[in-house]
């Protein structure tokens, strides 16, 4: 199990952060109406067909809930430099809602950062670059004001 690479302090940090974020999430008031949400809506889950049609894939987290959770993923990609500001602004304009302007966004960002870090944790024995990125992300989680220079995996 990848968790055996954690120090006890790191393990406690992650558990404590998860609980704090769960409490913060439960206190959110979502402005948009619940609807079908993908659950992992990011650009790597899009495939462009030969005719130019874009197809959304990877529905293992599909559910009915707040669309802000999906919108936050796109915003996080932008904030990490994985897309341009113009791309993000166009996305928000077409959607009709800018999740970055919502006061609940920081909670969703922190939840997704935690998920992105712990997902990577399970793969650190595969490659030193993954292990280094995991350490980088853990540092950022522990230092919220640190710049996010995260690599996509």
C-alpha atoms as a PDB file:
ATOM      1  CA  UNK A   1       0.000   0.000   0.000  1.00  0.00           C
ATOM      2  CA  UNK A   2       1.318   3.463  -0.933  1.00  0.00           C
ATOM      3  CA  UNK A   3       0.347   4.874   2.461  1.00  0.00           C
ATOM      4  CA  UNK A   4       3.319   3.064   3.981  1.00  0.00           C
ATOM      5  CA  UNK A   5       5.515   5.823   2.516  1.00  0.00           C
ATOM      6  CA  UNK A   6       3.865   8.394   4.773  1.00  0.00           C
ATOM      7  CA  UNK A   7       5.302   9.452   8.051  1.00  0.00           C
ATOM      8  CA  UNK A   8       2.857   9.288  10.940  1.00  0.00           C
ATOM      9  CA  UNK A   9       2.807  13.100  10.920  1.00  0.00           C
ATOM     10  CA  UNK A  10       1.879  13.129   7.202  1.00  0.00           C
ATOM     11  CA  UNK A  11      -0.820  10.528   7.763  1.00  0.00           C
ATOM     12  CA  UNK A  12      -2.322  12.558  10.608  1.00  0.00           C
ATOM     13  CA  UNK A  13      -2.087  15.727   8.532  1.00  0.00           C
ATOM     14  CA  UNK A  14      -4.019  14.134   5.654  1.00  0.00           C
ATOM     15  CA  UNK A  15      -6.668  12.648   7.944  1.00  0.00           C
ATOM     16  CA  UNK A  16      -7.130  15.951   9.753  1.00  0.00           C
ATOM     17  CA  UNK A  17      -7.330  17.871   6.491  1.00  0.00           C
ATOM     18  CA  UNK A  18      -9.921  15.447   5.120  1.00  0.00           C
ATOM     19  CA  UNK A  19     -12.101  15.952   8.190  1.00  0.00           C
ATOM     20  CA  UNK A  20     -11.745  19.750   8.049  1.00  0.00           C
ATOM     21  CA  UNK A  21     -12.672  19.765   4.371  1.00  0.00           C
ATOM     22  CA  UNK A  22     -15.629  17.444   4.916  1.00  0.00           C
ATOM     23  CA  UNK A  23     -16.954  19.833   7.567  1.00  0.00           C
ATOM     24  CA  UNK A  24     -16.351  22.830   5.283  1.00  0.00           C
ATOM     25  CA  UNK A  25     -18.077  21.081   2.365  1.00  0.00           C
ATOM     26  CA  UNK A  26     -21.138  20.285   4.468  1.00  0.00           C
ATOM     27  CA  UNK A  27     -21.441  23.988   5.355  1.00  0.00           C
ATOM     28  CA  UNK A  28     -21.401  25.158   1.700  1.00  0.00           C
ATOM     29  CA  UNK A  29     -24.458  26.740   0.124  1.00  0.00           C
ATOM     30  CA  UNK A  30     -24.389  25.961  -3.590  1.00  0.00           C
ATOM     31  CA  UNK A  31     -25.895  28.664  -5.835  1.00  0.00           C
ATOM     32  CA  UNK A  32     -26.615  26.391  -8.823  1.00  0.00           C
ATOM     33  CA  UNK A  33     -29.353  23.781  -8.969  1.00  0.00           C
ATOM     34  CA  UNK A  34     -28.290  20.141  -8.558  1.00  0.00           C
ATOM     35  CA  UNK A  35     -27.960  18.233 -11.811  1.00  0.00           C
ATOM     36  CA  UNK A  36     -26.040  15.380 -13.391  1.00  0.00           C
ATOM     37  CA  UNK A  37     -22.331  15.793 -12.652  1.00  0.00           C
ATOM     38  CA  UNK A  38     -19.442  13.914 -14.165  1.00  0.00           C
ATOM     39  CA  UNK A  39     -17.336  13.727 -11.012  1.00  0.00           C
ATOM     40  CA  UNK A  40     -13.972  13.889 -12.800  1.00  0.00           C
ATOM     41  CA  UNK A  41     -14.570  16.551 -15.433  1.00  0.00           C
ATOM     42  CA  UNK A  42     -11.160  17.488 -16.765  1.00  0.00           C
ATOM     43  CA  UNK A  43      -9.675  17.820 -20.226  1.00  0.00           C
ATOM     44  CA  UNK A  44      -8.063  14.358 -20.212  1.00  0.00           C
ATOM     45  CA  UNK A  45     -11.562  12.878 -20.076  1.00  0.00           C
ATOM     46  CA  UNK A  46     -12.462  14.354 -23.455  1.00  0.00           C
ATOM     47  CA  UNK A  47     -11.902  12.565 -26.751  1.00  0.00           C
ATOM     48  CA  UNK A  48     -12.259  14.235 -30.125  1.00  0.00           C
ATOM     49  CA  UNK A  49     -13.893  11.956 -32.686  1.00  0.00           C
ATOM     50  CA  UNK A  50     -12.853  11.924 -36.342  1.00  0.00           C
ATOM     51  CA  UNK A  51     -15.848  14.124 -37.236  1.00  0.00           C
ATOM     52  CA  UNK A  52     -14.785  16.731 -34.644  1.00  0.00           C
ATOM     53  CA  UNK A  53     -17.381  15.779 -32.062  1.00  0.00           C
ATOM     54  CA  UNK A  54     -16.057  15.935 -28.520  1.00  0.00           C
ATOM     55  CA  UNK A  55     -16.999  12.956 -26.355  1.00  0.00           C
ATOM     56  CA  UNK A  56     -16.895  12.897 -22.564  1.00  0.00           C
ATOM     57  CA  UNK A  57     -15.564   9.621 -21.096  1.00  0.00           C
ATOM     58  CA  UNK A  58     -14.804   8.088 -17.668  1.00  0.00           C
ATOM     59  CA  UNK A  59     -18.140   8.061 -15.850  1.00  0.00           C
ATOM     60  CA  UNK A  60     -17.171   6.098 -12.727  1.00  0.00           C
ATOM     61  CA  UNK A  61     -17.922   9.104 -10.492  1.00  0.00           C
ATOM     62  CA  UNK A  62     -21.089  10.190 -12.313  1.00  0.00           C
ATOM     63  CA  UNK A  63     -23.780  11.339  -9.879  1.00  0.00           C
ATOM     64  CA  UNK A  64     -26.549  13.857  -9.235  1.00  0.00           C
ATOM     65  CA  UNK A  65     -25.301  16.852  -7.281  1.00  0.00           C
ATOM     66  CA  UNK A  66     -23.933  20.375  -7.356  1.00  0.00           C
ATOM     67  CA  UNK A  67     -22.458  21.340 -10.757  1.00  0.00           C
ATOM     68  CA  UNK A  68     -19.981  23.575  -8.955  1.00  0.00           C
ATOM     69  CA  UNK A  69     -18.000  20.413  -8.150  1.00  0.00           C
ATOM     70  CA  UNK A  70     -17.384  19.761 -11.849  1.00  0.00           C
ATOM     71  CA  UNK A  71     -16.792  23.433 -12.632  1.00  0.00           C
ATOM     72  CA  UNK A  72     -14.147  23.627  -9.919  1.00  0.00           C
ATOM     73  CA  UNK A  73     -12.040  20.992 -11.698  1.00  0.00           C
ATOM     74  CA  UNK A  74     -11.747  23.187 -14.788  1.00  0.00           C
ATOM     75  CA  UNK A  75     -10.943  26.205 -12.627  1.00  0.00           C
ATOM     76  CA  UNK A  76      -8.224  24.262 -10.807  1.00  0.00           C
ATOM     77  CA  UNK A  77      -6.648  23.210 -14.099  1.00  0.00           C
ATOM     78  CA  UNK A  78      -6.531  26.891 -15.025  1.00  0.00           C
ATOM     79  CA  UNK A  79      -5.073  27.935 -11.664  1.00  0.00           C
ATOM     80  CA  UNK A  80      -2.319  25.310 -12.027  1.00  0.00           C
ATOM     81  CA  UNK A  81      -1.373  26.679 -15.436  1.00  0.00           C
ATOM     82  CA  UNK A  82      -2.736  23.687 -17.328  1.00  0.00           C
ATOM     83  CA  UNK A  83      -4.815  26.005 -19.519  1.00  0.00           C
ATOM     84  CA  UNK A  84      -4.896  29.662 -20.432  1.00  0.00           C
ATOM     85  CA  UNK A  85      -6.917  32.385 -18.768  1.00  0.00           C
ATOM     86  CA  UNK A  86      -8.636  33.010 -22.103  1.00  0.00           C
ATOM     87  CA  UNK A  87      -9.666  29.352 -22.307  1.00  0.00           C
ATOM     88  CA  UNK A  88     -11.040  29.461 -18.782  1.00  0.00           C
ATOM     89  CA  UNK A  89     -12.873  32.762 -19.327  1.00  0.00           C
ATOM     90  CA  UNK A  90     -14.460  31.361 -22.489  1.00  0.00           C
ATOM     91  CA  UNK A  91     -15.505  28.227 -20.620  1.00  0.00           C
ATOM     92  CA  UNK A  92     -17.086  30.223 -17.773  1.00  0.00           C
ATOM     93  CA  UNK A  93     -18.851  32.551 -20.194  1.00  0.00           C
ATOM     94  CA  UNK A  94     -20.316  29.666 -22.219  1.00  0.00           C
ATOM     95  CA  UNK A  95     -21.388  27.883 -19.034  1.00  0.00           C
ATOM     96  CA  UNK A  96     -22.884  31.068 -17.597  1.00  0.00           C
ATOM     97  CA  UNK A  97     -21.206  30.781 -14.196  1.00  0.00           C
ATOM     98  CA  UNK A  98     -17.678  31.530 -12.990  1.00  0.00           C
ATOM     99  CA  UNK A  99     -16.974  29.220 -10.066  1.00  0.00           C
ATOM    100  CA  UNK A 100     -13.851  31.256  -9.254  1.00  0.00           C
ATOM    101  CA  UNK A 101     -16.110  34.167  -8.257  1.00  0.00           C
ATOM    102  CA  UNK A 102     -18.122  32.008  -5.821  1.00  0.00           C
ATOM    103  CA  UNK A 103     -17.095  32.191  -2.163  1.00  0.00           C
ATOM    104  CA  UNK A 104     -17.306  28.389  -1.841  1.00  0.00           C
ATOM    105  CA  UNK A 105     -14.692  27.763  -4.518  1.00  0.00           C
ATOM    106  CA  UNK A 106     -11.701  27.696  -2.116  1.00  0.00           C
ATOM    107  CA  UNK A 107     -13.242  24.708  -0.316  1.00  0.00           C
ATOM    108  CA  UNK A 108     -13.738  22.818  -3.580  1.00  0.00           C
ATOM    109  CA  UNK A 109     -10.205  23.732  -4.665  1.00  0.00           C
ATOM    110  CA  UNK A 110      -8.752  22.366  -1.426  1.00  0.00           C
ATOM    111  CA  UNK A 111     -10.817  19.179  -1.700  1.00  0.00           C
ATOM    112  CA  UNK A 112      -9.620  18.617  -5.249  1.00  0.00           C
ATOM    113  CA  UNK A 113      -6.018  19.354  -4.321  1.00  0.00           C
ATOM    114  CA  UNK A 114      -6.276  16.736  -1.575  1.00  0.00           C
ATOM    115  CA  UNK A 115      -7.799  14.223  -4.005  1.00  0.00           C
ATOM    116  CA  UNK A 116      -5.152  14.974  -6.633  1.00  0.00           C
ATOM    117  CA  UNK A 117      -2.404  14.449  -4.065  1.00  0.00           C
ATOM    118  CA  UNK A 118      -3.701  11.240  -2.526  1.00  0.00           C
ATOM    119  CA  UNK A 119      -4.455   9.795  -5.975  1.00  0.00           C
ATOM    120  CA  UNK A 120      -0.839  10.407  -6.918  1.00  0.00           C
ATOM    121  CA  UNK A 121       0.328   8.887  -3.624  1.00  0.00           C
ATOM    122  CA  UNK A 122      -0.877   5.450  -4.701  1.00  0.00           C
ATOM    123  CA  UNK A 123       1.461   5.572  -7.700  1.00  0.00           C
ATOM    124  CA  UNK A 124       4.708   6.846  -6.156  1.00  0.00           C
ATOM    125  CA  UNK A 125       6.509   3.511  -6.345  1.00  0.00           C
ATOM    126  CA  UNK A 126       6.081   3.483 -10.133  1.00  0.00           C
ATOM    127  CA  UNK A 127       8.462   6.314 -10.917  1.00  0.00           C
ATOM    128  CA  UNK A 128      10.721   8.821  -9.168  1.00  0.00           C
ATOM    129  CA  UNK A 129       9.068  11.712 -11.038  1.00  0.00           C
ATOM    130  CA  UNK A 130       5.717  10.702  -9.523  1.00  0.00           C
ATOM    131  CA  UNK A 131       7.284  10.402  -6.070  1.00  0.00           C
ATOM    132  CA  UNK A 132       8.833  13.877  -6.441  1.00  0.00           C
ATOM    133  CA  UNK A 133       5.520  15.348  -7.572  1.00  0.00           C
ATOM    134  CA  UNK A 134       3.780  13.758  -4.603  1.00  0.00           C
ATOM    135  CA  UNK A 135       6.304  15.380  -2.253  1.00  0.00           C
ATOM    136  CA  UNK A 136       5.756  18.717  -4.025  1.00  0.00           C
ATOM    137  CA  UNK A 137       1.999  18.448  -3.600  1.00  0.00           C
ATOM    138  CA  UNK A 138       2.290  17.481   0.060  1.00  0.00           C
ATOM    139  CA  UNK A 139       4.501  20.520   0.618  1.00  0.00           C
ATOM    140  CA  UNK A 140       1.865  22.721  -1.031  1.00  0.00           C
ATOM    141  CA  UNK A 141      -0.954  21.231   1.045  1.00  0.00           C
ATOM    142  CA  UNK A 142       1.021  21.953   4.196  1.00  0.00           C
ATOM    143  CA  UNK A 143       1.898  25.451   2.951  1.00  0.00           C
ATOM    144  CA  UNK A 144      -1.309  26.881   1.474  1.00  0.00           C
ATOM    145  CA  UNK A 145       0.359  30.101   0.306  1.00  0.00           C
ATOM    146  CA  UNK A 146       3.082  28.258  -1.624  1.00  0.00           C
ATOM    147  CA  UNK A 147       2.849  28.582  -5.415  1.00  0.00           C
ATOM    148  CA  UNK A 148       1.236  25.578  -7.061  1.00  0.00           C
ATOM    149  CA  UNK A 149       3.718  24.349  -9.658  1.00  0.00           C
ATOM    150  CA  UNK A 150       2.113  20.977 -10.160  1.00  0.00           C
ATOM    151  CA  UNK A 151       2.739  18.644 -13.062  1.00  0.00           C
ATOM    152  CA  UNK A 152      -0.153  16.863 -14.677  1.00  0.00           C
ATOM    153  CA  UNK A 153      -0.158  13.054 -14.436  1.00  0.00           C
END
